[in-house]
Protein backbone atom coordinates (compact mmCIF):
# COMPACT_ATOMS: atom_id res chain seq x y z
CA UNK A 1 91.85 163.64 114.61
CA UNK A 2 93.08 160.46 112.98
CA UNK A 3 95.01 160.96 109.74
CA UNK A 4 93.18 159.74 106.61
CA UNK A 5 96.01 157.29 105.87
CA UNK A 6 95.53 155.43 109.16
CA UNK A 7 91.72 155.60 109.34
CA UNK A 8 91.11 152.19 107.67
CA UNK A 9 93.66 150.51 109.96
CA UNK A 10 92.09 152.13 113.01
CA UNK A 11 88.58 151.06 111.93
CA UNK A 12 89.70 147.48 111.34
CA UNK A 13 91.53 147.35 114.67
CA UNK A 14 88.37 148.53 116.43
CA UNK A 15 86.42 145.72 114.73
CA UNK A 16 89.00 143.16 115.86
CA UNK A 17 88.97 144.47 119.43
CA UNK A 18 85.19 144.20 119.51
CA UNK A 19 85.25 140.72 117.97
CA UNK A 20 88.21 139.18 119.81
CA UNK A 21 88.86 141.08 123.03
CA UNK A 22 85.61 142.25 124.64
CA UNK A 23 84.23 139.56 126.94
CA UNK A 24 80.97 140.32 128.74
CA UNK A 25 80.21 138.99 132.23
CA UNK A 26 81.30 139.62 135.82
CA UNK A 27 85.08 139.63 136.27
CA UNK A 28 87.60 140.75 138.87
CA UNK A 29 90.30 142.97 137.37
CA UNK A 30 93.99 142.97 138.33
CA UNK A 31 93.26 146.10 140.37
CA UNK A 32 90.78 144.08 142.45
CA UNK A 33 87.82 146.04 141.07
CA UNK A 34 84.79 144.22 139.66
CA UNK A 35 83.52 144.87 136.16
CA UNK A 36 80.69 143.68 133.91
CA UNK A 37 83.10 143.12 131.06
CA UNK A 38 86.72 142.24 130.44
CA UNK A 39 88.93 143.52 127.66
CA UNK A 40 91.46 140.78 126.92
CA UNK A 41 93.72 142.66 124.55
CA UNK A 42 96.26 139.83 124.38
CA UNK A 43 93.68 138.21 122.08
CA UNK A 44 94.36 141.20 119.80
CA UNK A 45 98.01 142.10 120.36
CA UNK A 46 99.10 138.50 119.75
CA UNK A 47 96.84 137.93 116.73
CA UNK A 48 98.55 138.05 113.33
CA UNK A 49 96.40 140.71 111.62
CA UNK A 50 95.65 142.83 114.67
CA UNK A 51 99.24 143.06 115.90
CA UNK A 52 100.28 144.89 112.74
CA UNK A 53 97.37 147.29 113.15
CA UNK A 54 98.23 147.86 116.83
CA UNK A 55 101.71 149.02 115.83
CA UNK A 56 100.45 151.32 113.08
CA UNK A 57 97.67 152.86 115.17
CA UNK A 58 99.81 153.38 118.28
CA UNK A 59 102.71 154.88 116.30
CA UNK A 60 100.32 157.28 114.55
CA UNK A 61 98.74 158.22 117.89
CA UNK A 62 102.14 159.13 119.32
CA UNK A 63 103.27 160.98 116.20
CA UNK A 64 100.02 162.97 116.02
CA UNK A 65 100.56 164.02 119.65
CA UNK A 66 104.08 165.20 118.80
CA UNK A 67 105.77 162.70 121.13
CA UNK A 68 109.44 162.24 120.22
CA UNK A 69 110.87 158.92 121.41
CA UNK A 70 113.44 156.26 120.59
CA UNK A 71 112.25 153.44 122.86
CA UNK A 72 108.82 151.94 123.56
CA UNK A 73 107.70 149.27 125.99
CA UNK A 74 106.26 148.66 129.39
CA UNK A 75 105.56 146.26 132.19
CA UNK A 76 105.71 142.64 131.13
CA UNK A 77 103.18 140.91 129.99
CA UNK A 78 100.52 143.21 128.60
CA UNK A 79 102.95 145.72 127.13
CA UNK A 80 105.36 143.25 125.52
CA UNK A 81 103.51 142.71 122.23
CA UNK A 82 102.50 146.39 122.08
CA UNK A 83 106.12 147.54 122.29
CA UNK A 84 107.17 145.02 119.67
CA UNK A 85 104.32 146.10 117.36
CA UNK A 86 105.33 149.77 117.67
CA UNK A 87 108.98 148.85 117.00
CA UNK A 88 108.01 147.01 113.80
CA UNK A 89 105.64 149.79 112.66
CA UNK A 90 108.39 152.36 113.18
CA UNK A 91 110.83 150.23 111.19
CA UNK A 92 108.33 150.02 108.30
CA UNK A 93 108.04 153.82 108.50
CA UNK A 94 111.82 154.25 108.33
CA UNK A 95 112.25 155.15 112.02
CA UNK A 96 114.56 153.56 114.57
CA UNK A 97 112.54 152.69 117.68
CA UNK A 98 113.74 149.99 120.06
CA UNK A 99 111.42 147.99 122.30
CA UNK A 100 112.01 147.12 125.96
CA UNK A 101 110.39 145.09 128.72
CA UNK A 102 110.10 146.14 132.36
CA UNK A 103 110.12 143.35 134.94
CA UNK A 104 107.88 143.74 137.99
CA UNK A 105 111.02 143.68 140.14
CA UNK A 106 114.74 143.98 139.50
CA UNK A 107 116.51 140.66 138.98
CA UNK A 108 118.67 139.47 141.85
CA UNK A 109 120.96 137.50 139.51
CA UNK A 110 122.79 137.92 136.21
CA UNK A 111 122.93 141.58 135.18
CA UNK A 112 120.38 142.50 137.86
CA UNK A 113 118.28 144.52 135.43
CA UNK A 114 114.66 145.51 135.73
CA UNK A 115 114.46 146.94 132.20
CA UNK A 116 115.43 144.43 129.53
CA UNK A 117 116.38 145.19 125.93
CA UNK A 118 118.51 147.98 124.47
CA UNK A 119 119.62 150.47 127.13
CA UNK A 120 117.08 153.21 127.88
CA UNK A 121 119.50 155.46 129.81
CA UNK A 122 119.43 158.98 128.41
CA UNK A 123 116.72 158.07 125.89
CA UNK A 124 113.21 159.45 125.36
CA UNK A 125 110.92 156.58 126.23
CA UNK A 126 107.20 155.89 125.80
CA UNK A 127 105.63 153.52 128.32
CA UNK A 128 102.97 151.38 126.64
CA UNK A 129 100.16 149.24 128.00
CA UNK A 130 97.36 147.31 126.35
CA UNK A 131 94.70 148.72 128.70
CA UNK A 132 94.70 150.39 132.08
CA UNK A 133 92.22 150.50 134.94
CA UNK A 134 94.07 152.20 137.80
CA UNK A 135 97.35 153.01 136.06
CA UNK A 136 99.33 150.84 138.48
CA UNK A 137 101.16 148.74 135.88
CA UNK A 138 102.11 151.77 133.82
CA UNK A 139 103.36 153.60 136.91
CA UNK A 140 105.49 150.59 137.89
CA UNK A 141 106.98 150.66 134.40
CA UNK A 142 107.58 154.43 134.58
CA UNK A 143 109.44 153.98 137.87
CA UNK A 144 111.54 151.13 136.46
CA UNK A 145 112.46 153.12 133.34
CA UNK A 146 113.34 156.21 135.36
CA UNK A 147 115.50 154.10 137.70
CA UNK A 148 117.30 152.82 134.61
CA UNK A 149 117.99 156.41 133.48
CA UNK A 150 115.29 156.70 130.82
CA UNK A 151 113.33 159.90 130.21
CA UNK A 152 109.65 158.93 130.11
CA UNK A 153 107.86 161.33 127.74
CA UNK A 154 104.38 159.72 127.64
CA UNK A 155 102.24 156.76 128.59
CA UNK A 156 100.05 155.33 125.81
CA UNK A 157 97.45 152.55 125.91
CA UNK A 158 95.34 150.87 123.26
CA UNK A 159 92.09 151.02 125.27
CA UNK A 160 91.29 153.40 128.12
CA UNK A 161 88.64 152.04 130.51
CA UNK A 162 87.88 155.57 131.81
CA UNK A 163 88.37 154.47 135.42
CA UNK A 164 90.90 157.05 136.57
CA UNK A 165 94.15 155.76 135.05
CA UNK A 166 94.64 158.90 132.92
CA UNK A 167 94.26 161.26 135.86
CA UNK A 168 96.46 159.16 138.16
CA UNK A 169 99.26 158.69 135.62
CA UNK A 170 99.31 162.35 134.61
CA UNK A 171 99.35 163.44 138.27
CA UNK A 172 101.88 160.93 139.59
CA UNK A 173 104.18 160.48 136.58
CA UNK A 174 103.81 164.02 135.23
CA UNK A 175 103.58 162.89 131.60
CA UNK A 176 100.77 162.86 129.02
CA UNK A 177 98.48 159.82 128.92
CA UNK A 178 97.26 158.91 125.44
CA UNK A 179 94.85 156.23 124.27
CA UNK A 180 93.78 154.94 120.88
CA UNK A 181 90.25 153.92 121.90
CA UNK A 182 87.94 154.87 124.73
CA UNK A 183 85.43 152.46 126.27
CA UNK A 184 82.58 154.40 124.60
CA UNK A 185 83.95 153.42 121.18
CA UNK A 186 83.71 149.80 122.28
CA UNK A 187 80.06 150.20 123.27
CA UNK A 188 80.99 149.89 126.94
CA UNK A 189 80.19 153.46 128.01
């Protein structure tokens, strides 16, 4: 149940997702699967009004689920603006949450890090994603964070496509999978 305080933000974010992010037509997803629609959430997470709403809605989702965390982020590119939005929403709410970015592979130069940003070692971490089809990107991020010493406490996405990501992530990563919107809410069910 969404809290009454966040309900208008959630409703407006849903409108913006429908208006800006849902593209109908045959597409091949990053997983290799074909779909009749594409949800391009970067059109939302990088948009001035929607990005603020993303942070507020995702922070409320995590708080309502009782997830305690100090760091939020995920695999670069889709998770970058989501982590930043949650960081800013938390700051507005008087909470200290740092963002991070997980590279697809550890750097072979410089500091040789796979997880960039404030150190996640020993911290409760939420892995974020804009949307997930198979859960592969989120699982790559979970592995990177765990290798860096972070304690992953949940995976959270803006839109769940209902294509098995939840089941796979919960089984393989052993953490809760949360989502703000299901594909049915987007008229894609």
